[in-house]
N, C-alpha and C. Protein backbone atom coordinates (compact mmCIF):
# COMPACT_ATOMS: atom_id res chain seq x y z
N UNK A 1 84.35 113.08 104.33
CA UNK A 1 85.56 112.73 104.55
C UNK A 1 86.53 113.68 103.57
N UNK A 2 87.40 114.28 103.94
CA UNK A 2 88.38 114.95 103.11
C UNK A 2 89.72 114.26 103.14
N UNK A 3 90.44 114.31 102.03
CA UNK A 3 91.72 113.61 101.82
C UNK A 3 92.66 114.66 101.29
N UNK A 4 93.80 114.84 101.96
CA UNK A 4 94.77 115.87 101.46
C UNK A 4 96.00 115.21 101.26
N UNK A 5 96.86 115.79 100.24
CA UNK A 5 98.15 115.33 99.87
C UNK A 5 99.01 116.24 100.62
N UNK A 6 100.13 115.96 101.50
CA UNK A 6 100.80 116.69 102.19
C UNK A 6 102.18 117.01 101.55
N UNK A 7 102.19 116.99 100.24
CA UNK A 7 103.57 116.91 99.53
C UNK A 7 104.31 118.23 99.68
N UNK A 8 103.63 119.36 99.68
CA UNK A 8 104.14 120.58 100.00
C UNK A 8 104.95 120.68 101.26
N UNK A 9 104.28 120.26 102.29
CA UNK A 9 104.83 120.19 103.60
C UNK A 9 106.18 119.31 103.69
N UNK A 10 105.99 118.18 103.05
CA UNK A 10 107.00 117.26 103.14
C UNK A 10 108.29 117.85 102.39
N UNK A 11 108.07 118.32 101.21
CA UNK A 11 109.27 119.04 100.50
C UNK A 11 109.85 120.13 101.20
N UNK A 12 108.90 120.89 101.91
CA UNK A 12 109.54 121.97 102.90
C UNK A 12 110.50 121.43 104.03
N UNK A 13 110.04 120.40 104.62
CA UNK A 13 110.82 119.71 105.79
C UNK A 13 112.03 119.15 105.23
N UNK A 14 112.09 118.73 104.01
CA UNK A 14 113.31 117.99 103.33
C UNK A 14 114.16 119.02 102.65
N UNK A 15 113.77 120.14 102.44
CA UNK A 15 114.47 120.97 101.88
C UNK A 15 114.60 120.79 100.35
N UNK A 16 113.63 120.26 99.73
CA UNK A 16 113.55 120.01 98.19
C UNK A 16 112.43 120.75 97.48
N UNK A 17 112.91 121.25 96.36
CA UNK A 17 112.06 122.05 95.47
C UNK A 17 111.23 121.15 94.68
N UNK A 18 110.04 121.70 94.16
CA UNK A 18 109.18 120.91 93.45
C UNK A 18 109.92 120.49 91.96
N UNK A 19 110.74 121.57 91.63
CA UNK A 19 111.64 121.27 90.37
C UNK A 19 112.46 120.21 90.62
N UNK A 20 113.11 120.06 91.81
CA UNK A 20 114.00 118.90 92.14
C UNK A 20 113.32 117.67 92.22
N UNK A 21 112.24 117.64 92.83
CA UNK A 21 111.46 116.43 92.87
C UNK A 21 111.09 115.89 91.44
N UNK A 22 110.74 116.74 90.73
CA UNK A 22 110.10 116.49 89.37
C UNK A 22 111.49 115.92 88.75
N UNK A 23 112.65 116.42 88.67
CA UNK A 23 113.86 115.75 88.30
C UNK A 23 114.14 114.52 88.89
N UNK A 24 114.06 114.37 90.05
CA UNK A 24 114.42 113.12 90.73
C UNK A 24 113.44 111.91 90.33
N UNK A 25 112.19 112.29 89.97
CA UNK A 25 111.33 111.24 89.93
C UNK A 25 110.96 110.88 88.36
N UNK A 26 111.27 112.10 87.65
CA UNK A 26 111.00 111.96 86.10
C UNK A 26 109.46 112.25 85.84
N UNK A 27 108.87 112.86 86.84
CA UNK A 27 107.35 113.26 86.65
C UNK A 27 107.56 114.74 86.09
N UNK A 28 106.46 115.14 85.37
CA UNK A 28 106.44 116.45 84.86
C UNK A 28 106.33 117.53 86.02
N UNK A 29 106.95 118.61 85.94
CA UNK A 29 106.80 119.64 87.04
C UNK A 29 105.44 120.09 87.25
N UNK A 30 104.42 120.10 86.24
CA UNK A 30 103.18 120.45 86.41
C UNK A 30 102.40 119.51 87.28
N UNK A 31 102.67 118.27 87.19
CA UNK A 31 102.24 117.16 88.07
C UNK A 31 102.54 117.24 89.44
N UNK A 32 103.79 117.72 89.76
CA UNK A 32 104.26 118.01 91.13
C UNK A 32 103.54 119.25 91.68
N UNK A 33 103.41 120.17 90.81
CA UNK A 33 102.85 121.44 91.23
C UNK A 33 101.55 121.19 91.63
N UNK A 34 100.66 120.48 90.80
CA UNK A 34 99.30 120.26 91.10
C UNK A 34 99.18 119.37 92.49
N UNK A 35 100.20 118.46 92.62
CA UNK A 35 99.94 117.69 94.03
C UNK A 35 100.48 118.48 95.24
N UNK A 36 101.14 119.60 94.98
CA UNK A 36 101.44 120.57 95.92
C UNK A 36 100.31 121.52 96.26
N UNK A 37 99.30 121.65 95.37
CA UNK A 37 98.25 122.57 95.43
C UNK A 37 97.13 121.89 96.32
N UNK A 38 96.13 122.82 96.84
CA UNK A 38 95.15 122.28 97.91
C UNK A 38 94.04 121.85 96.87
N UNK A 39 94.07 121.81 95.66
CA UNK A 39 93.03 121.38 94.61
C UNK A 39 93.07 119.97 94.02
N UNK A 40 93.89 119.16 94.69
CA UNK A 40 93.85 117.69 94.10
C UNK A 40 92.64 117.07 94.11
N UNK A 41 92.21 116.41 92.96
CA UNK A 41 91.02 115.87 93.15
C UNK A 41 91.22 114.22 92.82
N UNK A 42 92.37 113.98 91.97
CA UNK A 42 92.68 112.60 91.62
C UNK A 42 94.07 112.50 91.38
N UNK A 43 94.65 111.29 91.65
CA UNK A 43 96.03 111.10 91.46
C UNK A 43 96.23 109.56 91.31
N UNK A 44 97.24 109.22 90.32
CA UNK A 44 97.51 107.71 89.95
C UNK A 44 98.36 107.17 91.38
N UNK A 45 97.90 106.12 91.77
CA UNK A 45 98.48 105.34 92.76
C UNK A 45 99.97 105.30 92.57
N UNK A 46 100.38 104.91 91.22
CA UNK A 46 101.69 104.68 90.75
C UNK A 46 102.52 106.11 90.94
N UNK A 47 101.91 107.20 90.85
CA UNK A 47 102.68 108.51 91.17
C UNK A 47 102.84 108.71 92.60
N UNK A 48 101.87 108.27 93.47
CA UNK A 48 102.12 108.35 94.92
C UNK A 48 103.30 107.39 95.27
N UNK A 49 103.17 106.17 94.73
CA UNK A 49 104.31 105.25 95.08
C UNK A 49 105.64 105.76 94.81
N UNK A 50 105.82 106.42 93.55
CA UNK A 50 107.13 106.81 93.04
C UNK A 50 107.58 107.96 93.85
N UNK A 51 106.66 108.81 94.38
CA UNK A 51 107.08 109.94 95.24
C UNK A 51 107.63 109.35 96.60
N UNK A 52 106.79 108.43 97.00
CA UNK A 52 107.00 108.02 98.44
C UNK A 52 108.54 107.15 98.36
N UNK A 53 108.73 106.37 97.34
CA UNK A 53 109.95 105.82 97.16
C UNK A 53 111.08 106.69 97.01
N UNK A 54 110.91 107.78 96.32
CA UNK A 54 112.01 108.74 95.97
C UNK A 54 112.41 109.58 97.28
N UNK A 55 111.20 109.99 98.07
CA UNK A 55 111.48 110.66 99.25
C UNK A 55 111.55 109.79 100.46
N UNK A 56 111.66 108.64 100.43
CA UNK A 56 111.97 107.41 101.41
C UNK A 56 110.91 107.81 102.67
N UNK A 57 109.68 107.94 102.11
CA UNK A 57 108.50 108.07 103.08
C UNK A 57 107.51 107.15 102.92
N UNK A 58 106.53 106.80 103.85
CA UNK A 58 105.52 105.92 103.78
C UNK A 58 104.21 106.82 103.22
N UNK A 59 103.49 105.93 102.48
CA UNK A 59 102.05 106.51 102.05
C UNK A 59 101.39 107.23 103.03
N UNK A 60 101.31 106.76 104.27
CA UNK A 60 100.62 107.33 105.44
C UNK A 60 101.41 108.70 105.78
N UNK A 61 102.59 109.09 105.49
CA UNK A 61 103.09 110.24 105.84
C UNK A 61 102.61 111.44 104.74
N UNK A 62 102.35 110.95 103.53
CA UNK A 62 101.89 111.56 102.42
C UNK A 62 100.48 112.00 102.47
N UNK A 63 99.61 111.17 102.84
CA UNK A 63 98.02 111.34 102.77
C UNK A 63 97.50 111.59 104.15
N UNK A 64 96.72 112.41 104.28
CA UNK A 64 95.89 112.93 105.46
C UNK A 64 94.47 112.78 105.19
N UNK A 65 93.76 112.03 106.06
CA UNK A 65 92.26 111.89 105.99
C UNK A 65 91.75 112.49 107.19
N UNK A 66 90.88 113.44 106.91
CA UNK A 66 90.04 114.10 107.96
C UNK A 66 88.70 113.55 108.06
């Protein structure tokens, strides 16, 4: 089972840059950059919750399971 974070696609759809999301959430830009890469191997649930709240999306919109 593979799990993917679809943050890059969501940011593109919403017209928000990684830098802008970092500013909006207070997360480090490197954290956002890591989550937008295809090499995410772990993430704090609090981080996902903060991103979902900030972008007004559900966790199901952010995570894809194959």
